[in-house]
Amino acid sequence: MKEFKGTVAVVTGGASGIGLAMAQRFALEGVRLVLADIEQEALDAAVKGLQAEGHEAIGVVTDVSDLASVQALKERTLEAYGKVNILCNNAGVQVAGPSWQISIGQWQWILGVNLWGAIHGIHVFVPQMLEQGDACHIVNTSSMSGLVSVPMMSAYQVTKHGVVTLSESLSQELAQQKASIGVSVLCPYFVQSKLHEAERNRPQHLQDASNMGGQLEQAIKHSVKQLVTGGIPAADVGEQVLEAIRDDQLYILTHPEIVPVFGKRAERIVEAAQATEAKRAAKGA
């Protein structure tokens, strides 16, 4: 996409953090906005703020983990604007701790929002974009955690690795169709947001306690809070996303200095393959 004025963007998790920053940056280009979020009060405030600055924006309370809710989001978007050109599957939550001590409710919650949220968005909106036939773009929010694996972040990483490969495959599939739909996968490191407060939105039916123990759980939460609040401004990410859409850039890396970390992971995989090949050669000698 090169032209933005008059286009329509749907941004999930749009009431705060990266989602709101993307919406604010799009608005400066004349994009009409549909903000989707599970929190009514924050959503209303975000929409009013955009409207007060003269931008076209509506808000739709949406649970991205629920297919029917995402379908309703599409219907409201088409009712208001008649099309959608930019889809940002951005809604996300965070869970941390040892893999075996994370509760089943936490696993179901994070998979539902982070991974199924992106799946639902693609399932619902891509057919509409293909039918329109005009220039469109999809931005799926993953994380640097979608490119590396570290302790205590397994649940989050499972979802974010999934979003990366989903985006890569989607990009190739749309290219095969010669569709005018670009794809980007956003892989931020720590960005100022409310991600560390996500637990407030875990639904009642998934409320169960982990078996981490109070001290460990509190220590993890404190560490995550410090890292998130000390991150880069969300507005910086909004600018990078706009540029990536304009340049049809698949990977958006907010912290390129982290690249050597997942470069080492690739090296270990190559080394394992080389070791296997060497054993085969030795057996055949």
Protein backbone atom coordinates (compact mmCIF):
# COMPACT_ATOMS: atom_id res chain seq x y z
CA MET A 1 0.00 0.00 0.00
CA LYS A 2 1.25 3.42 -0.94
CA GLU A 3 -1.87 5.53 -0.47
CA PHE A 4 -3.62 5.72 2.89
CA LYS A 5 -6.08 8.60 2.76
CA GLY A 6 -9.65 7.34 2.80
CA THR A 7 -8.70 3.74 3.53
CA VAL A 8 -10.09 1.81 6.52
CA ALA A 9 -8.07 0.16 9.28
CA VAL A 10 -9.29 -2.32 11.88
CA VAL A 11 -7.01 -2.53 14.92
CA THR A 12 -7.63 -5.09 17.65
CA GLY A 13 -6.27 -4.31 21.08
CA GLY A 14 -6.71 -0.77 19.86
CA ALA A 15 -7.57 0.99 23.12
CA SER A 16 -4.01 1.28 24.40
CA GLY A 17 -0.33 0.52 23.84
CA ILE A 18 0.87 -0.54 20.41
CA GLY A 19 -2.65 -0.84 19.03
CA LEU A 20 -3.58 2.74 19.88
CA ALA A 21 -0.21 3.99 18.64
CA MET A 22 -0.78 2.32 15.26
CA ALA A 23 -4.26 3.83 15.07
CA GLN A 24 -2.98 7.30 15.93
CA ARG A 25 -0.30 7.10 13.26
CA PHE A 26 -2.74 5.83 10.65
CA ALA A 27 -5.12 8.67 11.53
CA LEU A 28 -2.48 11.24 10.58
CA GLU A 29 -2.54 9.75 7.07
CA GLY A 30 -6.31 10.15 6.76
CA VAL A 31 -7.18 6.53 7.54
CA ARG A 32 -10.66 5.87 8.91
CA LEU A 33 -10.42 3.76 12.03
CA VAL A 34 -12.21 0.89 13.69
CA LEU A 35 -10.76 0.23 17.12
CA ALA A 36 -11.58 -3.13 18.67
CA ASP A 37 -10.89 -3.93 22.30
CA ILE A 38 -12.38 -6.00 25.09
CA GLU A 39 -12.41 -3.04 27.54
CA GLN A 40 -15.37 -0.75 26.94
CA GLU A 41 -14.18 2.19 29.05
CA ALA A 42 -10.68 2.33 27.58
CA LEU A 43 -12.09 1.87 24.09
CA ASP A 44 -14.52 4.76 24.50
CA ALA A 45 -11.72 7.01 25.75
CA ALA A 46 -9.45 6.10 22.82
CA VAL A 47 -12.16 6.74 20.23
CA LYS A 48 -13.16 10.05 21.82
CA GLY A 49 -9.53 11.14 21.84
CA LEU A 50 -9.17 10.43 18.12
CA GLN A 51 -12.46 12.09 17.27
CA ALA A 52 -11.50 15.17 19.29
CA GLU A 53 -8.47 15.52 17.02
CA GLY A 54 -10.70 15.46 13.95
CA HIS A 55 -10.18 11.84 12.91
CA GLU A 56 -12.85 9.37 11.80
CA ALA A 57 -13.04 6.55 14.33
CA ILE A 58 -15.48 4.11 15.83
CA GLY A 59 -15.05 1.53 18.59
CA VAL A 60 -16.34 -2.04 18.70
CA VAL A 61 -16.07 -4.10 21.88
CA THR A 62 -14.54 -7.35 20.68
CA ASP A 63 -13.30 -10.60 22.18
CA VAL A 64 -10.83 -11.80 19.55
CA SER A 65 -10.79 -15.30 21.05
CA ASP A 66 -14.45 -15.67 20.00
CA LEU A 67 -15.14 -16.15 16.29
CA ALA A 68 -18.65 -14.72 16.47
CA SER A 69 -17.30 -11.56 18.10
CA VAL A 70 -14.76 -11.08 15.29
CA GLN A 71 -17.45 -11.69 12.68
CA ALA A 72 -19.55 -9.00 14.37
CA LEU A 73 -16.51 -6.69 14.19
CA LYS A 74 -16.34 -7.19 10.43
CA GLU A 75 -20.06 -6.55 10.01
CA ARG A 76 -19.85 -3.33 12.01
CA THR A 77 -16.82 -2.22 9.97
CA LEU A 78 -18.62 -2.77 6.67
CA GLU A 79 -21.74 -1.10 8.01
CA ALA A 80 -19.74 2.00 8.95
CA TYR A 81 -17.25 2.23 6.08
CA GLY A 82 -18.10 -0.39 3.46
CA LYS A 83 -14.61 -1.91 3.28
CA VAL A 84 -11.42 -2.74 5.15
CA ASN A 85 -7.91 -2.11 3.85
CA ILE A 86 -5.69 -2.59 6.89
CA LEU A 87 -6.15 -5.30 9.49
CA CYS A 88 -3.97 -5.24 12.59
CA ASN A 89 -4.34 -8.44 14.59
CA ASN A 90 -2.73 -6.86 17.61
CA ALA A 91 -4.69 -7.88 20.73
CA GLY A 92 -2.43 -9.76 23.11
CA VAL A 93 -2.00 -10.95 26.68
CA GLN A 94 0.97 -12.27 28.62
CA VAL A 95 1.56 -15.21 30.96
CA ALA A 96 4.93 -16.17 32.44
CA GLY A 97 6.29 -18.99 34.56
CA PRO A 98 7.56 -22.57 34.33
CA SER A 99 5.69 -24.50 31.62
CA TRP A 100 4.33 -27.17 33.98
CA GLN A 101 3.18 -24.66 36.59
CA ILE A 102 1.13 -22.44 34.29
CA SER A 103 -2.55 -23.26 34.83
CA ILE A 104 -4.71 -24.74 32.08
CA GLY A 105 -6.93 -21.67 32.28
CA GLN A 106 -3.91 -19.46 31.60
CA TRP A 107 -2.87 -21.65 28.66
CA GLN A 108 -6.37 -21.53 27.16
CA TRP A 109 -6.61 -17.78 27.68
CA ILE A 110 -3.30 -16.85 26.07
CA LEU A 111 -3.79 -19.25 23.15
CA GLY A 112 -7.28 -17.86 22.63
CA VAL A 113 -6.24 -14.22 22.50
CA ASN A 114 -2.75 -14.26 21.01
CA LEU A 115 -2.99 -17.07 18.48
CA TRP A 116 -6.68 -17.73 17.87
CA GLY A 117 -7.23 -13.97 17.77
CA ALA A 118 -4.95 -13.72 14.72
CA ILE A 119 -6.46 -16.86 13.19
CA HIS A 120 -9.97 -15.47 13.59
CA GLY A 121 -8.97 -12.12 12.12
CA ILE A 122 -7.47 -13.76 9.04
CA HIS A 123 -10.38 -16.17 8.63
CA VAL A 124 -12.96 -13.39 8.80
CA PHE A 125 -11.28 -10.47 7.01
CA VAL A 126 -9.09 -11.95 4.27
CA PRO A 127 -12.06 -13.15 2.15
CA GLN A 128 -13.46 -9.61 2.33
CA MET A 129 -10.13 -8.14 1.22
CA LEU A 130 -9.88 -10.61 -1.67
CA GLU A 131 -13.41 -9.75 -2.76
CA GLN A 132 -12.63 -6.03 -2.72
CA GLY A 133 -9.58 -6.49 -4.92
CA ASP A 134 -8.00 -3.19 -3.87
CA ALA A 135 -4.72 -2.63 -2.03
CA CYS A 136 -4.81 -4.06 1.49
CA HIS A 137 -2.37 -5.03 4.23
CA ILE A 138 -2.40 -7.27 7.29
CA VAL A 139 -0.20 -6.68 10.33
CA ASN A 140 0.00 -9.52 12.84
CA THR A 141 1.58 -8.60 16.16
CA SER A 142 4.02 -11.25 17.32
CA SER A 143 7.05 -10.45 19.46
CA MET A 144 10.77 -11.03 19.69
CA SER A 145 9.45 -13.98 21.71
CA GLY A 146 8.23 -15.36 18.40
CA LEU A 147 11.83 -15.69 17.24
CA VAL A 148 13.64 -16.92 20.36
CA SER A 149 13.03 -19.31 23.27
CA VAL A 150 13.92 -18.38 26.84
CA PRO A 151 12.91 -19.77 30.25
CA MET A 152 9.67 -18.75 31.96
CA MET A 153 8.02 -17.52 28.75
CA SER A 154 6.88 -20.78 27.14
CA ALA A 155 3.16 -19.97 26.95
CA TYR A 156 3.76 -16.55 25.45
CA GLN A 157 6.39 -17.90 23.08
CA VAL A 158 4.15 -20.72 21.85
CA THR A 159 1.56 -18.18 20.74
CA LYS A 160 4.06 -15.73 19.27
CA HIS A 161 6.03 -18.37 17.34
CA GLY A 162 2.65 -19.41 15.95
CA VAL A 163 1.87 -15.88 14.80
CA VAL A 164 5.22 -15.65 13.01
CA THR A 165 4.75 -18.83 10.99
CA LEU A 166 1.09 -17.97 10.35
CA SER A 167 2.20 -14.64 8.89
CA GLU A 168 4.98 -16.17 6.79
CA SER A 169 2.64 -18.77 5.30
CA LEU A 170 -0.14 -16.22 4.74
CA SER A 171 2.28 -13.96 2.86
CA GLN A 172 3.29 -16.80 0.54
CA GLU A 173 -0.30 -17.93 0.00
CA LEU A 174 -1.48 -14.45 -0.94
CA ALA A 175 1.48 -14.06 -3.29
CA GLN A 176 0.49 -17.32 -5.00
CA GLN A 177 -3.00 -15.89 -5.46
CA LYS A 178 -1.45 -12.69 -6.88
CA ALA A 179 -3.58 -10.83 -4.35
CA SER A 180 -2.94 -7.15 -3.69
CA ILE A 181 -2.69 -7.88 0.04
CA GLY A 182 0.60 -7.39 1.87
CA VAL A 183 1.51 -9.04 5.15
CA SER A 184 3.76 -7.88 7.97
CA VAL A 185 4.59 -9.59 11.24
CA LEU A 186 5.48 -7.16 14.01
CA CYS A 187 8.13 -8.50 16.39
CA PRO A 188 8.67 -5.90 19.11
CA TYR A 189 10.91 -6.30 22.12
CA PHE A 190 9.83 -4.35 25.19
CA VAL A 191 7.41 -1.51 24.43
CA GLN A 192 5.60 0.73 26.89
CA SER A 193 2.11 -0.73 27.22
CA LYS A 194 -0.29 -2.39 29.65
CA LEU A 195 0.76 -5.92 28.68
CA HIS A 196 1.93 -6.64 32.22
CA GLU A 197 -1.60 -5.82 33.46
CA ALA A 198 -3.33 -8.18 31.03
CA GLU A 199 -4.53 -10.54 33.77
CA ARG A 200 -7.31 -8.08 34.55
CA ASN A 201 -9.06 -9.21 31.37
CA ARG A 202 -8.89 -12.98 31.86
CA PRO A 203 -12.52 -14.20 31.62
CA GLN A 204 -14.21 -15.73 34.62
CA HIS A 205 -14.57 -19.19 33.10
CA LEU A 206 -10.78 -19.38 32.67
CA GLN A 207 -9.96 -18.14 36.16
CA ASP A 208 -7.85 -20.78 37.87
CA ALA A 209 -4.68 -20.49 39.90
CA SER A 210 -1.24 -21.50 38.74
CA ASN A 211 0.84 -23.69 41.03
CA MET A 212 3.88 -21.45 40.92
CA GLY A 213 3.65 -20.25 44.48
CA GLY A 214 3.18 -16.68 45.57
CA GLN A 215 6.79 -15.56 45.77
CA LEU A 216 7.80 -16.86 42.35
CA GLU A 217 4.70 -15.49 40.68
CA GLN A 218 5.15 -12.06 42.23
CA ALA A 219 8.85 -11.97 41.29
CA ILE A 220 8.02 -12.78 37.67
CA LYS A 221 5.29 -10.14 37.52
CA HIS A 222 7.60 -7.51 39.00
CA SER A 223 10.33 -8.33 36.49
CA VAL A 224 7.95 -8.18 33.52
CA LYS A 225 6.49 -4.88 34.73
CA GLN A 226 9.94 -3.29 34.92
CA LEU A 227 10.87 -4.47 31.44
CA VAL A 228 7.60 -3.33 29.85
CA THR A 229 7.43 0.08 31.52
CA GLY A 230 11.08 0.66 30.63
CA GLY A 231 10.51 -0.14 26.96
CA ILE A 232 10.48 2.14 23.95
CA PRO A 233 7.48 4.45 23.38
CA ALA A 234 4.59 2.80 21.55
CA ALA A 235 4.52 5.76 19.15
CA ASP A 236 7.88 4.65 17.76
CA VAL A 237 6.35 1.30 16.87
CA GLY A 238 3.37 2.98 15.21
CA GLU A 239 5.75 4.84 12.91
CA GLN A 240 7.63 1.66 12.04
CA VAL A 241 4.41 -0.15 11.21
CA LEU A 242 3.26 2.58 8.83
CA GLU A 243 6.61 2.51 7.04
CA ALA A 244 6.52 -1.29 6.80
CA ILE A 245 3.06 -1.23 5.22
CA ARG A 246 4.21 1.39 2.73
CA ASP A 247 7.31 -0.67 1.89
CA ASP A 248 5.48 -4.05 1.89
CA GLN A 249 7.95 -5.30 4.52
CA LEU A 250 7.28 -8.74 5.98
CA TYR A 251 9.30 -8.53 9.22
CA ILE A 252 9.11 -5.51 11.51
CA LEU A 253 11.86 -5.68 14.15
CA THR A 254 11.76 -2.84 16.65
CA HIS A 255 15.09 -3.81 18.24
CA PRO A 256 17.51 -5.04 15.53
CA GLU A 257 20.26 -5.30 18.14
CA ILE A 258 18.53 -8.48 19.34
CA VAL A 259 19.06 -10.22 15.98
CA PRO A 260 22.26 -12.04 17.11
CA VAL A 261 20.22 -13.84 19.79
CA PHE A 262 18.01 -15.68 17.32
CA GLY A 263 21.00 -15.97 14.98
CA LYS A 264 22.56 -18.21 17.63
CA ARG A 265 19.44 -20.37 17.67
CA ALA A 266 19.75 -20.88 13.92
CA GLU A 267 23.42 -21.77 14.36
CA ARG A 268 22.55 -24.47 16.92
CA ILE A 269 20.03 -25.98 14.50
CA VAL A 270 22.61 -26.02 11.71
CA GLU A 271 25.20 -27.56 14.04
CA ALA A 272 22.75 -30.33 14.98
CA ALA A 273 22.08 -31.06 11.30
CA GLN A 274 25.81 -31.14 10.57
CA ALA A 275 26.39 -33.54 13.48
CA THR A 276 23.70 -35.87 12.16
CA GLU A 277 25.22 -35.77 8.69
CA ALA A 278 28.67 -36.51 10.11
CA LYS A 279 27.33 -39.57 11.98
CA ARG A 280 25.68 -40.85 8.82
CA ALA A 281 28.90 -40.40 6.88
CA ALA A 282 30.89 -42.22 9.58
CA LYS A 283 28.48 -45.18 9.50
CA GLY A 284 28.73 -45.37 5.74
CA ALA A 285 32.52 -45.25 5.69
